[in-house]
């Protein structure tokens, strides 16, 4: 199958991007790599992003020439997409490949936290192709310079997950297993509503406070009943769910547009479909990912659509949290403006 045939090319591409980005930080000062160079797909592009984008055409173009045409969907491409090989049409493409070469640029460029390379592959169904059509996902960690280990995980839909830990000092890899949390609730664990960038953060914080009160109960004096982790990377957030580190993550930023407009403010930065290219990995580990209404996460494969999503480490946590969370979204007037349009 084409899905399996393209996997080695994607893994090699991820390895190359990881090594190339690490080398760039070793050879250049962080200030130069942190320079804003463009605005694309609703996001700011920094100099380090270009380092990650350059290998895409080479690796996917070689596969397209030798095996089958593909449509590459990524920032830096004309109108967000390019059909490979050159001269092929959109209808020729057998696969759609959506890529975020560096998800978590801001944390990485200041050497605060790992970023992630994300790729998802789906059969080409034209413009109707969406996140639910993804058949393969690959996620590769780009570590900090002081960090010698980085993880790479990939999954085929309904075929399970493979995970490897790469040692960049001796360039060896060893396999390991990903396992989401088996806890039945959020108490004494990490549960986060994403609000890592300016926007209507006060509303999201209020929803989170009310949610914790309803799900975990009143907080005793001097006790931290649960914790949050504002990881500035959707891929990183999803990995934390897969690895058993987090129990709940909800990125509902796109639902705040109406409130922002009512305050006379522009909407803030939101999650986009290419940030969710690792979806198959997450689902194959057993993590439950839904849209903001509790239904399947559904969005076109592009670089611009604003998306909200909710991730539960297991069914017990979903059962405990989801009714309260969906009710709070109604109470606070958080809704999908695009769906209502």
C-alpha atoms as a PDB file:
ATOM      1  CA  UNK A   1       0.000   0.000   0.000  1.00  0.00           C
ATOM      2  CA  UNK A   2       1.039   3.565  -0.646  1.00  0.00           C
ATOM      3  CA  UNK A   3       0.525   4.518   2.997  1.00  0.00           C
ATOM      4  CA  UNK A   4       3.117   1.975   4.090  1.00  0.00           C
ATOM      5  CA  UNK A   5       5.404   2.796   1.173  1.00  0.00           C
ATOM      6  CA  UNK A   6       5.678   6.450   2.143  1.00  0.00           C
ATOM      7  CA  UNK A   7       6.457   5.795   5.813  1.00  0.00           C
ATOM      8  CA  UNK A   8      10.253   5.253   5.367  1.00  0.00           C
ATOM      9  CA  UNK A   9      10.514   8.490   3.398  1.00  0.00           C
ATOM     10  CA  UNK A  10       8.696  10.400   6.139  1.00  0.00           C
ATOM     11  CA  UNK A  11      10.825   8.882   8.897  1.00  0.00           C
ATOM     12  CA  UNK A  12      13.998   9.815   7.006  1.00  0.00           C
ATOM     13  CA  UNK A  13      12.632  13.320   6.427  1.00  0.00           C
ATOM     14  CA  UNK A  14      11.908  13.699  10.138  1.00  0.00           C
ATOM     15  CA  UNK A  15      15.393  12.509  11.077  1.00  0.00           C
ATOM     16  CA  UNK A  16      16.930  14.995   8.676  1.00  0.00           C
ATOM     17  CA  UNK A  17      14.820  17.913   9.915  1.00  0.00           C
ATOM     18  CA  UNK A  18      15.615  17.077  13.559  1.00  0.00           C
ATOM     19  CA  UNK A  19      19.356  16.950  12.881  1.00  0.00           C
ATOM     20  CA  UNK A  20      19.268  20.041  10.684  1.00  0.00           C
ATOM     21  CA  UNK A  21      17.439  22.142  13.267  1.00  0.00           C
ATOM     22  CA  UNK A  22      19.736  21.007  16.091  1.00  0.00           C
ATOM     23  CA  UNK A  23      22.768  21.869  13.939  1.00  0.00           C
ATOM     24  CA  UNK A  24      21.309  25.309  13.207  1.00  0.00           C
ATOM     25  CA  UNK A  25      21.057  26.066  16.917  1.00  0.00           C
ATOM     26  CA  UNK A  26      24.580  24.783  17.485  1.00  0.00           C
ATOM     27  CA  UNK A  27      25.976  26.960  14.679  1.00  0.00           C
ATOM     28  CA  UNK A  28      23.917  30.143  15.078  1.00  0.00           C
ATOM     29  CA  UNK A  29      22.835  32.375  17.924  1.00  0.00           C
ATOM     30  CA  UNK A  30      19.261  31.968  19.114  1.00  0.00           C
ATOM     31  CA  UNK A  31      18.483  35.625  18.433  1.00  0.00           C
ATOM     32  CA  UNK A  32      19.022  35.232  14.687  1.00  0.00           C
ATOM     33  CA  UNK A  33      16.861  32.095  14.534  1.00  0.00           C
ATOM     34  CA  UNK A  34      14.115  33.839  16.532  1.00  0.00           C
ATOM     35  CA  UNK A  35      13.723  36.620  13.958  1.00  0.00           C
ATOM     36  CA  UNK A  36      10.196  36.891  12.520  1.00  0.00           C
ATOM     37  CA  UNK A  37      10.383  36.568   8.727  1.00  0.00           C
ATOM     38  CA  UNK A  38       6.774  36.154   7.525  1.00  0.00           C
ATOM     39  CA  UNK A  39       3.102  35.777   8.411  1.00  0.00           C
ATOM     40  CA  UNK A  40       1.515  32.678   6.870  1.00  0.00           C
ATOM     41  CA  UNK A  41      -1.554  30.551   7.567  1.00  0.00           C
ATOM     42  CA  UNK A  42      -2.553  32.696  10.515  1.00  0.00           C
ATOM     43  CA  UNK A  43       0.794  32.244  12.274  1.00  0.00           C
ATOM     44  CA  UNK A  44       4.115  34.041  12.533  1.00  0.00           C
ATOM     45  CA  UNK A  45       7.020  32.371  10.731  1.00  0.00           C
ATOM     46  CA  UNK A  46      10.454  32.632  12.326  1.00  0.00           C
ATOM     47  CA  UNK A  47      13.862  32.093  10.742  1.00  0.00           C
ATOM     48  CA  UNK A  48      14.199  28.657  12.359  1.00  0.00           C
ATOM     49  CA  UNK A  49      10.942  27.554  10.675  1.00  0.00           C
ATOM     50  CA  UNK A  50      12.604  27.924   7.274  1.00  0.00           C
ATOM     51  CA  UNK A  51      15.306  25.489   8.396  1.00  0.00           C
ATOM     52  CA  UNK A  52      12.636  22.870   8.976  1.00  0.00           C
ATOM     53  CA  UNK A  53      10.692  23.577   5.766  1.00  0.00           C
ATOM     54  CA  UNK A  54      13.538  23.171   3.265  1.00  0.00           C
ATOM     55  CA  UNK A  55      13.788  19.319   3.310  1.00  0.00           C
ATOM     56  CA  UNK A  56      10.089  18.727   2.601  1.00  0.00           C
ATOM     57  CA  UNK A  57      10.263  19.073  -1.170  1.00  0.00           C
ATOM     58  CA  UNK A  58      13.378  16.886  -1.406  1.00  0.00           C
ATOM     59  CA  UNK A  59      12.071  13.860   0.496  1.00  0.00           C
ATOM     60  CA  UNK A  60       8.446  13.951  -0.595  1.00  0.00           C
ATOM     61  CA  UNK A  61       9.426  14.950  -4.129  1.00  0.00           C
ATOM     62  CA  UNK A  62      11.644  11.881  -4.459  1.00  0.00           C
ATOM     63  CA  UNK A  63       8.782   9.631  -3.318  1.00  0.00           C
ATOM     64  CA  UNK A  64       6.412  11.385  -5.736  1.00  0.00           C
ATOM     65  CA  UNK A  65       8.777  10.895  -8.679  1.00  0.00           C
ATOM     66  CA  UNK A  66       9.535   7.251  -7.948  1.00  0.00           C
ATOM     67  CA  UNK A  67       6.265   5.945  -6.483  1.00  0.00           C
ATOM     68  CA  UNK A  68       3.173   8.155  -6.757  1.00  0.00           C
ATOM     69  CA  UNK A  69       2.227  11.856  -6.898  1.00  0.00           C
ATOM     70  CA  UNK A  70       1.359  13.522  -3.592  1.00  0.00           C
ATOM     71  CA  UNK A  71      -0.054  16.827  -2.421  1.00  0.00           C
ATOM     72  CA  UNK A  72       2.117  18.466   0.227  1.00  0.00           C
ATOM     73  CA  UNK A  73       0.197  20.691   2.636  1.00  0.00           C
ATOM     74  CA  UNK A  74       2.438  22.896   4.767  1.00  0.00           C
ATOM     75  CA  UNK A  75       3.334  26.482   5.542  1.00  0.00           C
ATOM     76  CA  UNK A  76       5.771  27.917   3.038  1.00  0.00           C
ATOM     77  CA  UNK A  77       3.978  26.321   0.077  1.00  0.00           C
ATOM     78  CA  UNK A  78       2.013  28.467  -2.434  1.00  0.00           C
ATOM     79  CA  UNK A  79      -1.539  28.826  -1.075  1.00  0.00           C
ATOM     80  CA  UNK A  80      -0.506  26.290   1.559  1.00  0.00           C
ATOM     81  CA  UNK A  81      -0.123  23.303  -0.797  1.00  0.00           C
ATOM     82  CA  UNK A  82       2.119  21.941  -3.569  1.00  0.00           C
ATOM     83  CA  UNK A  83       1.559  18.934  -5.838  1.00  0.00           C
ATOM     84  CA  UNK A  84       4.615  16.760  -6.372  1.00  0.00           C
ATOM     85  CA  UNK A  85       6.296  15.921  -8.720  1.00  0.00           C
ATOM     86  CA  UNK A  86       6.391  19.177 -10.617  1.00  0.00           C
ATOM     87  CA  UNK A  87       3.844  19.172 -13.414  1.00  0.00           C
ATOM     88  CA  UNK A  88       1.402  16.810 -11.688  1.00  0.00           C
ATOM     89  CA  UNK A  89      -2.123  18.020 -10.971  1.00  0.00           C
ATOM     90  CA  UNK A  90      -4.163  17.873  -7.781  1.00  0.00           C
ATOM     91  CA  UNK A  91      -6.266  15.054  -9.222  1.00  0.00           C
ATOM     92  CA  UNK A  92      -3.084  13.075  -9.975  1.00  0.00           C
ATOM     93  CA  UNK A  93      -2.114  13.057  -6.295  1.00  0.00           C
ATOM     94  CA  UNK A  94      -2.734   9.699  -4.636  1.00  0.00           C
ATOM     95  CA  UNK A  95      -1.998  10.960  -1.138  1.00  0.00           C
ATOM     96  CA  UNK A  96      -2.335  14.162   0.840  1.00  0.00           C
ATOM     97  CA  UNK A  97       0.555  14.755   3.231  1.00  0.00           C
ATOM     98  CA  UNK A  98       0.113  17.459   5.863  1.00  0.00           C
ATOM     99  CA  UNK A  99       3.251  18.577   7.701  1.00  0.00           C
ATOM    100  CA  UNK A 100       4.241  20.904  10.494  1.00  0.00           C
ATOM    101  CA  UNK A 101       8.060  20.876  10.308  1.00  0.00           C
ATOM    102  CA  UNK A 102       8.442  22.589  13.691  1.00  0.00           C
ATOM    103  CA  UNK A 103       5.468  22.611  16.043  1.00  0.00           C
ATOM    104  CA  UNK A 104       6.510  24.517  19.140  1.00  0.00           C
ATOM    105  CA  UNK A 105       8.890  26.956  17.469  1.00  0.00           C
ATOM    106  CA  UNK A 106       8.696  29.544  20.220  1.00  0.00           C
ATOM    107  CA  UNK A 107       9.679  27.189  23.021  1.00  0.00           C
ATOM    108  CA  UNK A 108      12.507  25.703  20.964  1.00  0.00           C
ATOM    109  CA  UNK A 109      14.012  28.927  19.683  1.00  0.00           C
ATOM    110  CA  UNK A 110      14.476  30.162  23.242  1.00  0.00           C
ATOM    111  CA  UNK A 111      15.681  26.693  24.280  1.00  0.00           C
ATOM    112  CA  UNK A 112      12.892  26.304  26.813  1.00  0.00           C
ATOM    113  CA  UNK A 113      11.272  23.084  25.630  1.00  0.00           C
ATOM    114  CA  UNK A 114      11.297  20.473  22.863  1.00  0.00           C
ATOM    115  CA  UNK A 115       9.438  21.090  19.610  1.00  0.00           C
ATOM    116  CA  UNK A 116       7.887  18.406  17.379  1.00  0.00           C
ATOM    117  CA  UNK A 117       7.898  17.477  13.703  1.00  0.00           C
ATOM    118  CA  UNK A 118       4.400  16.342  12.728  1.00  0.00           C
ATOM    119  CA  UNK A 119       3.238  14.560   9.577  1.00  0.00           C
ATOM    120  CA  UNK A 120      -0.099  13.016   8.688  1.00  0.00           C
ATOM    121  CA  UNK A 121      -0.957  11.069   5.517  1.00  0.00           C
ATOM    122  CA  UNK A 122      -4.403  10.473   4.023  1.00  0.00           C
ATOM    123  CA  UNK A 123      -5.724   9.102   0.723  1.00  0.00           C
ATOM    124  CA  UNK A 124      -6.556  11.996  -1.575  1.00  0.00           C
ATOM    125  CA  UNK A 125     -10.296  12.674  -1.456  1.00  0.00           C
ATOM    126  CA  UNK A 126      -9.972  16.146  -2.900  1.00  0.00           C
ATOM    127  CA  UNK A 127     -11.069  19.137  -0.874  1.00  0.00           C
ATOM    128  CA  UNK A 128     -13.263  16.867   1.255  1.00  0.00           C
ATOM    129  CA  UNK A 129     -10.198  15.170   2.777  1.00  0.00           C
ATOM    130  CA  UNK A 130     -10.108  15.855   6.520  1.00  0.00           C
ATOM    131  CA  UNK A 131      -8.420  14.854   9.757  1.00  0.00           C
ATOM    132  CA  UNK A 132     -10.584  11.744  10.096  1.00  0.00           C
ATOM    133  CA  UNK A 133      -9.125  10.455   6.809  1.00  0.00           C
ATOM    134  CA  UNK A 134      -5.561  10.313   8.171  1.00  0.00           C
ATOM    135  CA  UNK A 135      -4.159   6.774   7.926  1.00  0.00           C
ATOM    136  CA  UNK A 136      -0.599   7.418   9.129  1.00  0.00           C
ATOM    137  CA  UNK A 137       0.942   9.856  11.587  1.00  0.00           C
ATOM    138  CA  UNK A 138       4.584  10.419  12.518  1.00  0.00           C
ATOM    139  CA  UNK A 139       5.771  12.579  15.427  1.00  0.00           C
ATOM    140  CA  UNK A 140       9.453  13.339  16.077  1.00  0.00           C
ATOM    141  CA  UNK A 141      10.817  15.341  18.973  1.00  0.00           C
ATOM    142  CA  UNK A 142      13.337  18.122  18.313  1.00  0.00           C
ATOM    143  CA  UNK A 143      15.222  18.265  21.603  1.00  0.00           C
ATOM    144  CA  UNK A 144      16.956  21.137  23.324  1.00  0.00           C
ATOM    145  CA  UNK A 145      20.709  21.395  22.819  1.00  0.00           C
ATOM    146  CA  UNK A 146      21.296  20.238  26.409  1.00  0.00           C
ATOM    147  CA  UNK A 147      19.079  17.174  25.837  1.00  0.00           C
ATOM    148  CA  UNK A 148      20.619  14.086  24.241  1.00  0.00           C
ATOM    149  CA  UNK A 149      17.466  11.941  23.891  1.00  0.00           C
ATOM    150  CA  UNK A 150      14.541  12.508  21.554  1.00  0.00           C
ATOM    151  CA  UNK A 151      11.469  10.406  20.872  1.00  0.00           C
ATOM    152  CA  UNK A 152       9.963   9.377  17.560  1.00  0.00           C
ATOM    153  CA  UNK A 153       6.555   7.709  17.339  1.00  0.00           C
ATOM    154  CA  UNK A 154       4.445   6.624  14.407  1.00  0.00           C
ATOM    155  CA  UNK A 155       1.169   4.796  13.899  1.00  0.00           C
ATOM    156  CA  UNK A 156      -1.048   3.329  11.212  1.00  0.00           C
ATOM    157  CA  UNK A 157      -4.779   3.543  11.821  1.00  0.00           C
ATOM    158  CA  UNK A 158      -6.044   0.390  13.549  1.00  0.00           C
ATOM    159  CA  UNK A 159      -2.519  -1.103  13.559  1.00  0.00           C
ATOM    160  CA  UNK A 160      -1.038   0.263  16.781  1.00  0.00           C
ATOM    161  CA  UNK A 161       1.912   2.483  17.641  1.00  0.00           C
ATOM    162  CA  UNK A 162       5.678   2.154  17.372  1.00  0.00           C
ATOM    163  CA  UNK A 163       7.946   4.327  19.507  1.00  0.00           C
ATOM    164  CA  UNK A 164      11.727   4.756  19.524  1.00  0.00           C
ATOM    165  CA  UNK A 165      14.057   6.852  21.653  1.00  0.00           C
ATOM    166  CA  UNK A 166      17.023   8.267  19.747  1.00  0.00           C
ATOM    167  CA  UNK A 167      20.343   9.044  21.455  1.00  0.00           C
ATOM    168  CA  UNK A 168      21.985  11.788  19.437  1.00  0.00           C
ATOM    169  CA  UNK A 169      25.342  11.307  21.174  1.00  0.00           C
ATOM    170  CA  UNK A 170      25.950   7.777  19.911  1.00  0.00           C
ATOM    171  CA  UNK A 171      23.145   7.806  17.274  1.00  0.00           C
ATOM    172  CA  UNK A 172      21.493   4.651  18.573  1.00  0.00           C
ATOM    173  CA  UNK A 173      17.783   4.018  19.080  1.00  0.00           C
ATOM    174  CA  UNK A 174      15.823   1.812  21.440  1.00  0.00           C
ATOM    175  CA  UNK A 175      12.117   1.020  21.361  1.00  0.00           C
ATOM    176  CA  UNK A 176       9.713   1.726  24.212  1.00  0.00           C
ATOM    177  CA  UNK A 177       5.978   1.653  24.873  1.00  0.00           C
ATOM    178  CA  UNK A 178       3.671   4.635  25.181  1.00  0.00           C
ATOM    179  CA  UNK A 179       0.900   4.285  27.748  1.00  0.00           C
ATOM    180  CA  UNK A 180      -1.688   6.955  28.612  1.00  0.00           C
ATOM    181  CA  UNK A 181      -2.696   7.514  32.217  1.00  0.00           C
ATOM    182  CA  UNK A 182      -5.048   4.943  33.741  1.00  0.00           C
ATOM    183  CA  UNK A 183      -6.268   7.337  36.428  1.00  0.00           C
ATOM    184  CA  UNK A 184     -10.037   7.668  36.706  1.00  0.00           C
ATOM    185  CA  UNK A 185     -10.048  11.419  37.390  1.00  0.00           C
ATOM    186  CA  UNK A 186      -8.008  14.599  37.215  1.00  0.00           C
ATOM    187  CA  UNK A 187      -7.254  15.018  40.933  1.00  0.00           C
ATOM    188  CA  UNK A 188      -3.507  15.211  41.627  1.00  0.00           C
ATOM    189  CA  UNK A 189      -2.729  15.070  37.908  1.00  0.00           C
ATOM    190  CA  UNK A 190      -2.234  17.512  35.026  1.00  0.00           C
ATOM    191  CA  UNK A 191      -5.412  18.920  33.451  1.00  0.00           C
ATOM    192  CA  UNK A 192      -5.082  21.954  31.189  1.00  0.00           C
ATOM    193  CA  UNK A 193      -7.180  24.338  29.138  1.00  0.00           C
ATOM    194  CA  UNK A 194      -4.749  25.849  26.630  1.00  0.00           C
ATOM    195  CA  UNK A 195      -4.341  29.624  26.931  1.00  0.00           C
ATOM    196  CA  UNK A 196      -0.636  30.009  26.269  1.00  0.00           C
ATOM    197  CA  UNK A 197      -1.013  33.077  24.042  1.00  0.00           C
ATOM    198  CA  UNK A 198      -2.917  36.364  24.476  1.00  0.00           C
ATOM    199  CA  UNK A 199      -6.592  36.324  23.645  1.00  0.00           C
ATOM    200  CA  UNK A 200      -9.621  35.901  25.866  1.00  0.00           C
ATOM    201  CA  UNK A 201      -7.545  34.130  28.480  1.00  0.00           C
ATOM    202  CA  UNK A 202      -9.672  35.279  31.402  1.00  0.00           C
ATOM    203  CA  UNK A 203     -12.673  33.345  30.068  1.00  0.00           C
ATOM    204  CA  UNK A 204     -10.700  30.169  29.457  1.00  0.00           C
ATOM    205  CA  UNK A 205      -9.189  30.421  32.933  1.00  0.00           C
ATOM    206  CA  UNK A 206     -12.642  30.845  34.451  1.00  0.00           C
ATOM    207  CA  UNK A 207     -13.923  27.773  32.607  1.00  0.00           C
ATOM    208  CA  UNK A 208     -10.945  25.790  33.856  1.00  0.00           C
ATOM    209  CA  UNK A 209     -11.482  26.900  37.462  1.00  0.00           C
ATOM    210  CA  UNK A 210     -15.164  25.987  37.350  1.00  0.00           C
ATOM    211  CA  UNK A 211     -14.404  22.667  35.656  1.00  0.00           C
ATOM    212  CA  UNK A 212     -11.920  21.640  38.337  1.00  0.00           C
ATOM    213  CA  UNK A 213     -14.359  22.582  41.071  1.00  0.00           C
ATOM    214  CA  UNK A 214     -17.141  20.518  39.500  1.00  0.00           C
ATOM    215  CA  UNK A 215     -15.000  17.496  38.636  1.00  0.00           C
ATOM    216  CA  UNK A 216     -12.418  17.328  41.437  1.00  0.00           C
ATOM    217  CA  UNK A 217     -14.344  19.106  44.187  1.00  0.00           C
ATOM    218  CA  UNK A 218     -13.315  21.996  46.472  1.00  0.00           C
ATOM    219  CA  UNK A 219      -9.604  22.468  46.976  1.00  0.00           C
ATOM    220  CA  UNK A 220      -8.510  22.001  50.591  1.00  0.00           C
ATOM    221  CA  UNK A 221      -6.463  24.804  52.078  1.00  0.00           C
ATOM    222  CA  UNK A 222      -2.787  24.573  51.203  1.00  0.00           C
ATOM    223  CA  UNK A 223      -3.308  21.693  48.751  1.00  0.00           C
ATOM    224  CA  UNK A 224      -2.835  21.698  44.964  1.00  0.00           C
ATOM    225  CA  UNK A 225      -5.668  19.482  43.788  1.00  0.00           C
ATOM    226  CA  UNK A 226      -4.399  19.378  40.188  1.00  0.00           C
ATOM    227  CA  UNK A 227      -1.921  21.093  37.896  1.00  0.00           C
ATOM    228  CA  UNK A 228      -1.688  22.631  34.437  1.00  0.00           C
ATOM    229  CA  UNK A 229       1.004  22.678  31.751  1.00  0.00           C
ATOM    230  CA  UNK A 230       0.851  25.375  29.082  1.00  0.00           C
ATOM    231  CA  UNK A 231       3.039  23.559  26.546  1.00  0.00           C
ATOM    232  CA  UNK A 232       3.319  25.815  23.475  1.00  0.00           C
ATOM    233  CA  UNK A 233       3.049  22.904  21.031  1.00  0.00           C
ATOM    234  CA  UNK A 234      -0.033  20.939  20.058  1.00  0.00           C
ATOM    235  CA  UNK A 235       2.164  17.977  19.161  1.00  0.00           C
ATOM    236  CA  UNK A 236       3.853  18.265  22.541  1.00  0.00           C
ATOM    237  CA  UNK A 237       0.498  18.426  24.314  1.00  0.00           C
ATOM    238  CA  UNK A 238      -0.699  15.315  22.514  1.00  0.00           C
ATOM    239  CA  UNK A 239       2.517  13.478  23.292  1.00  0.00           C
ATOM    240  CA  UNK A 240       2.082  14.271  26.992  1.00  0.00           C
ATOM    241  CA  UNK A 241      -1.338  12.607  26.846  1.00  0.00           C
ATOM    242  CA  UNK A 242       0.098   9.554  25.065  1.00  0.00           C
ATOM    243  CA  UNK A 243       2.983   9.242  27.519  1.00  0.00           C
ATOM    244  CA  UNK A 244       0.766   9.241  30.605  1.00  0.00           C
ATOM    245  CA  UNK A 245       1.955  12.642  31.806  1.00  0.00           C
ATOM    246  CA  UNK A 246      -1.324  14.543  31.297  1.00  0.00           C
ATOM    247  CA  UNK A 247      -4.903  13.441  31.867  1.00  0.00           C
ATOM    248  CA  UNK A 248      -6.859  16.180  30.124  1.00  0.00           C
ATOM    249  CA  UNK A 249      -5.974  18.842  27.565  1.00  0.00           C
ATOM    250  CA  UNK A 250      -8.550  21.064  25.900  1.00  0.00           C
ATOM    251  CA  UNK A 251      -7.556  23.675  23.337  1.00  0.00           C
ATOM    252  CA  UNK A 252     -10.699  25.772  22.927  1.00  0.00           C
ATOM    253  CA  UNK A 253      -9.137  28.994  21.712  1.00  0.00           C
ATOM    254  CA  UNK A 254     -11.128  29.095  18.460  1.00  0.00           C
ATOM    255  CA  UNK A 255     -14.360  29.163  20.480  1.00  0.00           C
ATOM    256  CA  UNK A 256     -13.476  32.547  21.980  1.00  0.00           C
ATOM    257  CA  UNK A 257     -13.794  34.483  18.703  1.00  0.00           C
ATOM    258  CA  UNK A 258     -17.321  35.680  19.421  1.00  0.00           C
ATOM    259  CA  UNK A 259     -16.367  36.944  22.865  1.00  0.00           C
ATOM    260  CA  UNK A 260     -13.287  38.687  21.461  1.00  0.00           C
ATOM    261  CA  UNK A 261     -15.407  40.368  18.793  1.00  0.00           C
ATOM    262  CA  UNK A 262     -17.885  41.499  21.430  1.00  0.00           C
ATOM    263  CA  UNK A 263     -15.015  43.191  23.231  1.00  0.00           C
ATOM    264  CA  UNK A 264     -13.845  44.869  20.041  1.00  0.00           C
ATOM    265  CA  UNK A 265     -10.692  42.760  19.900  1.00  0.00           C
ATOM    266  CA  UNK A 266      -9.130  40.637  17.188  1.00  0.00           C
ATOM    267  CA  UNK A 267      -9.106  36.879  17.859  1.00  0.00           C
ATOM    268  CA  UNK A 268      -5.868  35.390  19.136  1.00  0.00           C
ATOM    269  CA  UNK A 269      -3.722  32.636  17.654  1.00  0.00           C
ATOM    270  CA  UNK A 270      -5.523  29.284  17.382  1.00  0.00           C
ATOM    271  CA  UNK A 271      -4.653  25.674  16.662  1.00  0.00           C
ATOM    272  CA  UNK A 272      -4.684  24.650  12.965  1.00  0.00           C
ATOM    273  CA  UNK A 273      -5.116  21.267  11.229  1.00  0.00           C
ATOM    274  CA  UNK A 274      -1.407  20.798  10.521  1.00  0.00           C
ATOM    275  CA  UNK A 275      -0.803  21.094  14.285  1.00  0.00           C
ATOM    276  CA  UNK A 276      -2.972  17.979  14.600  1.00  0.00           C
ATOM    277  CA  UNK A 277      -1.122  15.868  12.028  1.00  0.00           C
ATOM    278  CA  UNK A 278      -0.110  13.448  14.810  1.00  0.00           C
ATOM    279  CA  UNK A 279      -3.750  12.487  15.439  1.00  0.00           C
ATOM    280  CA  UNK A 280      -3.400   8.819  14.435  1.00  0.00           C
ATOM    281  CA  UNK A 281      -0.583   8.294  16.949  1.00  0.00           C
ATOM    282  CA  UNK A 282      -2.671   9.774  19.728  1.00  0.00           C
ATOM    283  CA  UNK A 283      -5.765   7.752  18.950  1.00  0.00           C
ATOM    284  CA  UNK A 284      -3.852   4.494  18.514  1.00  0.00           C
ATOM    285  CA  UNK A 285      -2.444   4.803  22.042  1.00  0.00           C
ATOM    286  CA  UNK A 286      -6.012   4.873  23.362  1.00  0.00           C
ATOM    287  CA  UNK A 287      -6.239   8.601  24.060  1.00  0.00           C
ATOM    288  CA  UNK A 288      -9.692   9.930  23.170  1.00  0.00           C
ATOM    289  CA  UNK A 289      -9.724  13.064  21.020  1.00  0.00           C
ATOM    290  CA  UNK A 290     -12.955  14.895  20.237  1.00  0.00           C
ATOM    291  CA  UNK A 291     -14.129  18.120  18.751  1.00  0.00           C
ATOM    292  CA  UNK A 292     -15.444  20.857  21.065  1.00  0.00           C
ATOM    293  CA  UNK A 293     -18.987  19.438  20.860  1.00  0.00           C
ATOM    294  CA  UNK A 294     -17.952  15.947  21.951  1.00  0.00           C
ATOM    295  CA  UNK A 295     -18.143  14.547  18.423  1.00  0.00           C
ATOM    296  CA  UNK A 296     -15.322  13.431  16.120  1.00  0.00           C
ATOM    297  CA  UNK A 297     -12.563  15.952  15.492  1.00  0.00           C
ATOM    298  CA  UNK A 298     -13.285  17.087  11.955  1.00  0.00           C
ATOM    299  CA  UNK A 299     -11.327  19.729  10.033  1.00  0.00           C
ATOM    300  CA  UNK A 300      -9.995  20.057   6.474  1.00  0.00           C
ATOM    301  CA  UNK A 301      -6.354  19.276   5.795  1.00  0.00           C
ATOM    302  CA  UNK A 302      -5.028  22.821   5.512  1.00  0.00           C
ATOM    303  CA  UNK A 303      -2.806  25.311   7.301  1.00  0.00           C
ATOM    304  CA  UNK A 304      -5.359  28.005   8.090  1.00  0.00           C
ATOM    305  CA  UNK A 305      -8.601  26.640   9.573  1.00  0.00           C
ATOM    306  CA  UNK A 306      -8.960  27.397  13.289  1.00  0.00           C
ATOM    307  CA  UNK A 307      -9.628  24.209  15.255  1.00  0.00           C
ATOM    308  CA  UNK A 308     -10.566  23.389  18.857  1.00  0.00           C
ATOM    309  CA  UNK A 309     -10.032  19.930  20.311  1.00  0.00           C
ATOM    310  CA  UNK A 310     -10.310  18.029  23.588  1.00  0.00           C
ATOM    311  CA  UNK A 311      -8.096  15.127  24.628  1.00  0.00           C
ATOM    312  CA  UNK A 312      -8.924  12.669  27.420  1.00  0.00           C
ATOM    313  CA  UNK A 313      -6.335  10.132  28.578  1.00  0.00           C
ATOM    314  CA  UNK A 314      -8.977   7.416  28.874  1.00  0.00           C
ATOM    315  CA  UNK A 315     -12.716   6.752  28.839  1.00  0.00           C
ATOM    316  CA  UNK A 316     -13.081   7.068  32.619  1.00  0.00           C
ATOM    317  CA  UNK A 317     -11.682  10.601  32.548  1.00  0.00           C
ATOM    318  CA  UNK A 318     -13.889  11.482  29.603  1.00  0.00           C
ATOM    319  CA  UNK A 319     -16.943  10.228  31.499  1.00  0.00           C
ATOM    320  CA  UNK A 320     -15.973  12.275  34.553  1.00  0.00           C
ATOM    321  CA  UNK A 321     -15.123  15.482  32.696  1.00  0.00           C
ATOM    322  CA  UNK A 322     -17.012  15.771  29.407  1.00  0.00           C
ATOM    323  CA  UNK A 323     -20.556  16.508  30.673  1.00  0.00           C
ATOM    324  CA  UNK A 324     -19.287  19.312  32.912  1.00  0.00           C
ATOM    325  CA  UNK A 325     -16.995  20.754  30.257  1.00  0.00           C
ATOM    326  CA  UNK A 326     -19.614  20.818  27.503  1.00  0.00           C
ATOM    327  CA  UNK A 327     -22.102  22.427  29.901  1.00  0.00           C
ATOM    328  CA  UNK A 328     -19.564  25.090  30.864  1.00  0.00           C
ATOM    329  CA  UNK A 329     -18.914  25.933  27.223  1.00  0.00           C
ATOM    330  CA  UNK A 330     -22.607  26.733  26.874  1.00  0.00           C
ATOM    331  CA  UNK A 331     -22.730  28.678  30.111  1.00  0.00           C
ATOM    332  CA  UNK A 332     -19.781  30.854  29.115  1.00  0.00           C
ATOM    333  CA  UNK A 333     -20.995  31.391  25.552  1.00  0.00           C
ATOM    334  CA  UNK A 334     -18.099  29.586  23.915  1.00  0.00           C
ATOM    335  CA  UNK A 335     -19.124  28.276  20.507  1.00  0.00           C
ATOM    336  CA  UNK A 336     -17.750  27.493  17.076  1.00  0.00           C
ATOM    337  CA  UNK A 337     -18.322  30.715  15.152  1.00  0.00           C
ATOM    338  CA  UNK A 338     -17.358  29.060  11.841  1.00  0.00           C
ATOM    339  CA  UNK A 339     -19.898  26.245  12.319  1.00  0.00           C
ATOM    340  CA  UNK A 340     -22.624  28.752  13.131  1.00  0.00           C
ATOM    341  CA  UNK A 341     -21.865  30.907  10.096  1.00  0.00           C
END
